[in-house]
Amino acid sequence: MLCMKRIITKITLLTLIYILTLFSPAYCIMGPTLMLDHKEENENEFTFGIGPTLRYKHNESSALDFRGDMAMWGVRVVGGTMNDPKFGLNYCAGEQTSEMLKYNLDMTGLSMEDSFKSDPRFRWRVTCGIGNFELKSKASGHIYKKGNFSYCEPMFIGILPMNRNIILEFGVGYTFADASGVKVEGIAVQGELLFGKF
């Protein structure tokens, strides 16, 4: 009986290790072979993706010494032929509140990206676009700061493929913006789950 319990425990542990290995980032890097891994063979293929994005943003404002961290949700669409730069459309919006204030931020941009020749799963991306912000009182609705801005955002992207039609992208970059009254400029961290043809 004791021997049987040990066998069941070992089988359970092996199964758990297999599942963890199956869904780990290490497996994703070594796992599915995408078209981008063989660009020369698929140079005329059209690739595309669409999916949700999650962005981290740190905000500061001179008005009432408002600052804090925000999670911004959005959507991204991207497409292009295999050996050419790809173009995309991004939109994200977020809301941050304190005891007295409410801050809304949204950003829309067009992007161009391409992979590095040495490693197709490592990309660069440049996004240019416009955005809007509003900082107001939760109690009275009085608007302390409101405006729009333009921005440019270079970013480095790493790709983790889940399978041939689903990929995860993680990016780190810097947002240059001409917003006044609030601090939109700063480090940008973004994650994307894209569904499509890769």
Protein backbone atom coordinates (compact mmCIF):
# COMPACT_ATOMS: atom_id res chain seq x y z
CA MET A 1 0.00 0.00 0.00
CA LEU A 2 2.82 2.37 0.90
CA CYS A 3 4.62 1.48 -2.35
CA MET A 4 1.46 2.25 -4.34
CA LYS A 5 1.13 5.67 -2.69
CA ARG A 6 4.74 6.48 -3.58
CA ILE A 7 4.14 5.50 -7.22
CA ILE A 8 1.02 7.70 -7.38
CA THR A 9 2.93 10.59 -5.77
CA LYS A 10 5.78 10.25 -8.30
CA ILE A 11 3.34 10.12 -11.23
CA THR A 12 1.54 13.22 -9.90
CA LEU A 13 4.82 15.11 -9.51
CA LEU A 14 5.99 14.13 -12.99
CA THR A 15 2.65 15.25 -14.44
CA LEU A 16 2.89 18.62 -12.67
CA ILE A 17 6.48 19.12 -13.87
CA TYR A 18 5.39 18.31 -17.41
CA ILE A 19 2.52 20.82 -17.26
CA LEU A 20 4.79 23.55 -15.85
CA THR A 21 7.38 22.87 -18.54
CA LEU A 22 4.70 22.91 -21.22
CA PHE A 23 3.47 26.38 -20.32
CA SER A 24 6.70 28.00 -19.18
CA PRO A 25 8.40 30.82 -21.13
CA ALA A 26 11.38 28.54 -21.69
CA TYR A 27 9.12 26.18 -23.59
CA CYS A 28 7.66 29.08 -25.54
CA ILE A 29 11.12 30.17 -26.69
CA MET A 30 12.18 26.66 -27.68
CA GLY A 31 8.71 25.51 -28.72
CA PRO A 32 6.58 26.25 -31.78
CA THR A 33 8.34 27.05 -35.04
CA LEU A 34 6.83 30.19 -36.53
CA MET A 35 7.04 31.50 -40.08
CA LEU A 36 9.30 34.28 -38.84
CA ASP A 37 11.88 31.64 -37.89
CA HIS A 38 12.22 30.87 -41.63
CA LYS A 39 11.82 34.31 -43.19
CA GLU A 40 13.70 33.38 -46.36
CA GLU A 41 11.29 30.54 -47.15
CA ASN A 42 8.18 32.65 -46.38
CA GLU A 43 9.31 36.07 -47.58
CA ASN A 44 6.03 36.83 -49.42
CA GLU A 45 3.73 35.56 -46.67
CA PHE A 46 1.41 38.08 -45.01
CA THR A 47 1.41 37.99 -41.22
CA PHE A 48 -1.10 39.70 -38.95
CA GLY A 49 -2.24 39.82 -35.36
CA ILE A 50 -4.92 41.37 -33.17
CA GLY A 51 -5.38 41.26 -29.43
CA PRO A 52 -5.51 42.97 -26.04
CA THR A 53 -2.67 44.96 -24.50
CA LEU A 54 -1.75 45.83 -20.92
CA ARG A 55 0.49 48.80 -20.16
CA TYR A 56 2.08 50.09 -16.97
CA LYS A 57 2.30 53.87 -16.54
CA HIS A 58 3.57 56.06 -13.72
CA ASN A 59 1.82 59.43 -13.55
CA GLU A 60 2.68 62.72 -11.91
CA SER A 61 1.03 66.13 -11.95
CA SER A 62 1.93 69.50 -10.53
CA ALA A 63 -1.74 69.98 -9.66
CA LEU A 64 -2.33 69.03 -6.01
CA ASP A 65 0.85 66.91 -6.05
CA PHE A 66 -0.98 64.03 -7.76
CA ARG A 67 1.06 60.91 -8.58
CA GLY A 68 0.76 57.14 -8.77
CA ASP A 69 0.75 54.03 -10.94
CA MET A 70 -1.81 53.14 -13.58
CA ALA A 71 -2.70 50.02 -15.56
CA MET A 72 -3.83 50.88 -19.07
CA TRP A 73 -5.86 48.42 -21.16
CA GLY A 74 -6.17 48.51 -24.91
CA VAL A 75 -6.09 46.74 -28.24
CA ARG A 76 -3.46 46.35 -30.95
CA VAL A 77 -3.71 45.40 -34.64
CA VAL A 78 -0.58 44.69 -36.70
CA GLY A 79 0.15 43.26 -40.14
CA GLY A 80 2.66 43.14 -42.98
CA THR A 81 4.64 40.89 -45.27
CA MET A 82 7.29 38.69 -43.75
CA ASN A 83 10.48 40.41 -44.92
CA ASP A 84 9.18 43.99 -44.72
CA PRO A 85 8.49 46.22 -41.73
CA LYS A 86 5.05 45.69 -40.21
CA PHE A 87 2.56 48.46 -39.45
CA GLY A 88 0.13 48.56 -36.57
CA LEU A 89 -2.57 50.56 -34.84
CA ASN A 90 -2.66 50.83 -31.03
CA TYR A 91 -5.19 52.20 -28.58
CA CYS A 92 -5.01 52.14 -24.78
CA ALA A 93 -6.82 53.92 -21.97
CA GLY A 94 -6.55 53.98 -18.21
CA GLU A 95 -8.08 55.53 -15.11
CA GLN A 96 -6.44 56.32 -11.81
CA THR A 97 -8.15 57.61 -8.67
CA SER A 98 -7.12 58.92 -5.30
CA GLU A 99 -9.27 60.05 -2.38
CA MET A 100 -9.94 63.42 -4.03
CA LEU A 101 -8.93 63.15 -7.69
CA LYS A 102 -9.69 61.15 -10.82
CA TYR A 103 -7.24 60.96 -13.71
CA ASN A 104 -8.05 59.65 -17.19
CA LEU A 105 -5.51 59.03 -19.95
CA ASP A 106 -5.91 57.58 -23.43
CA MET A 107 -3.35 57.13 -26.23
CA THR A 108 -3.77 56.24 -29.92
CA GLY A 109 -0.86 55.63 -32.25
CA LEU A 110 0.47 54.17 -35.48
CA SER A 111 3.50 51.90 -35.24
CA MET A 112 6.20 50.48 -37.46
CA GLU A 113 8.28 47.49 -36.39
CA ASP A 114 10.76 44.95 -37.70
CA SER A 115 12.84 42.11 -36.31
CA PHE A 116 16.59 42.09 -35.89
CA LYS A 117 18.31 39.88 -38.46
CA SER A 118 20.27 38.00 -35.80
CA ASP A 119 17.15 36.99 -33.84
CA PRO A 120 13.65 37.17 -35.40
CA ARG A 121 12.02 36.87 -31.97
CA PHE A 122 13.55 40.17 -30.86
CA ARG A 123 12.08 43.30 -32.47
CA TRP A 124 12.26 47.08 -32.47
CA ARG A 125 9.15 49.26 -32.72
CA VAL A 126 8.48 52.98 -33.07
CA THR A 127 5.00 54.33 -32.31
CA CYS A 128 3.83 57.89 -33.00
CA GLY A 129 0.42 59.18 -32.02
CA ILE A 130 -1.81 61.47 -29.99
CA GLY A 131 -3.45 61.30 -26.59
CA ASN A 132 -5.77 63.05 -24.14
CA PHE A 133 -5.69 63.50 -20.38
CA GLU A 134 -8.04 64.88 -17.74
CA LEU A 135 -7.44 65.43 -14.03
CA LYS A 136 -10.53 66.41 -12.06
CA SER A 137 -12.10 66.44 -8.61
CA LYS A 138 -14.16 63.36 -7.73
CA ALA A 139 -16.46 65.36 -5.46
CA SER A 140 -17.21 68.50 -7.47
CA GLY A 141 -16.20 67.50 -11.00
CA HIS A 142 -13.94 70.55 -11.25
CA ILE A 143 -11.25 70.00 -13.90
CA TYR A 144 -7.76 70.94 -12.74
CA LYS A 145 -5.87 69.88 -15.87
CA LYS A 146 -7.12 68.84 -19.29
CA GLY A 147 -5.47 68.66 -22.69
CA ASN A 148 -4.10 66.65 -25.54
CA PHE A 149 -0.58 65.82 -26.61
CA SER A 150 1.48 64.07 -29.27
CA TYR A 151 4.01 61.39 -28.49
CA CYS A 152 6.77 59.23 -29.98
CA GLU A 153 7.71 55.93 -28.38
CA PRO A 154 10.66 53.70 -29.37
CA MET A 155 10.48 50.22 -27.87
CA PHE A 156 12.26 46.85 -27.86
CA ILE A 157 10.00 43.78 -28.08
CA GLY A 158 10.50 40.13 -27.16
CA ILE A 159 8.23 37.44 -28.62
CA LEU A 160 7.09 34.31 -26.76
CA PRO A 161 5.04 32.06 -29.09
CA MET A 162 2.37 29.87 -27.46
CA ASN A 163 1.56 28.16 -30.76
CA ARG A 164 1.51 29.07 -34.46
CA ASN A 165 -1.47 31.41 -34.06
CA ILE A 166 -1.02 32.88 -30.56
CA ILE A 167 1.97 34.87 -29.34
CA LEU A 168 2.86 36.92 -26.28
CA GLU A 169 4.88 40.10 -26.76
CA PHE A 170 6.64 42.01 -23.98
CA GLY A 171 8.05 45.45 -24.62
CA VAL A 172 10.15 48.07 -22.82
CA GLY A 173 10.65 51.55 -24.19
CA TYR A 174 10.40 55.26 -23.49
CA THR A 175 7.55 57.66 -24.23
CA PHE A 176 8.49 61.16 -25.40
CA ALA A 177 5.47 63.47 -25.09
CA ASP A 178 4.74 67.19 -25.17
CA ALA A 179 2.02 67.11 -22.49
CA SER A 180 1.96 70.01 -20.03
CA GLY A 181 0.45 69.87 -16.55
CA VAL A 182 0.85 66.11 -16.23
CA LYS A 183 3.86 63.88 -16.83
CA VAL A 184 3.14 61.50 -19.71
CA GLU A 185 6.80 61.17 -20.71
CA GLY A 186 8.64 58.27 -19.12
CA ILE A 187 9.46 54.56 -19.25
CA ALA A 188 6.83 52.41 -20.97
CA VAL A 189 6.27 48.72 -20.15
CA GLN A 190 3.73 46.81 -22.23
CA GLY A 191 2.46 43.26 -22.72
CA GLU A 192 0.36 41.98 -25.64
CA LEU A 193 -1.53 38.78 -26.42
CA LEU A 194 -1.94 38.56 -30.20
CA PHE A 195 -4.05 36.13 -32.23
CA GLY A 196 -3.35 35.73 -35.92
CA LYS A 197 -0.85 34.28 -38.37
CA PHE A 198 2.80 34.35 -37.39
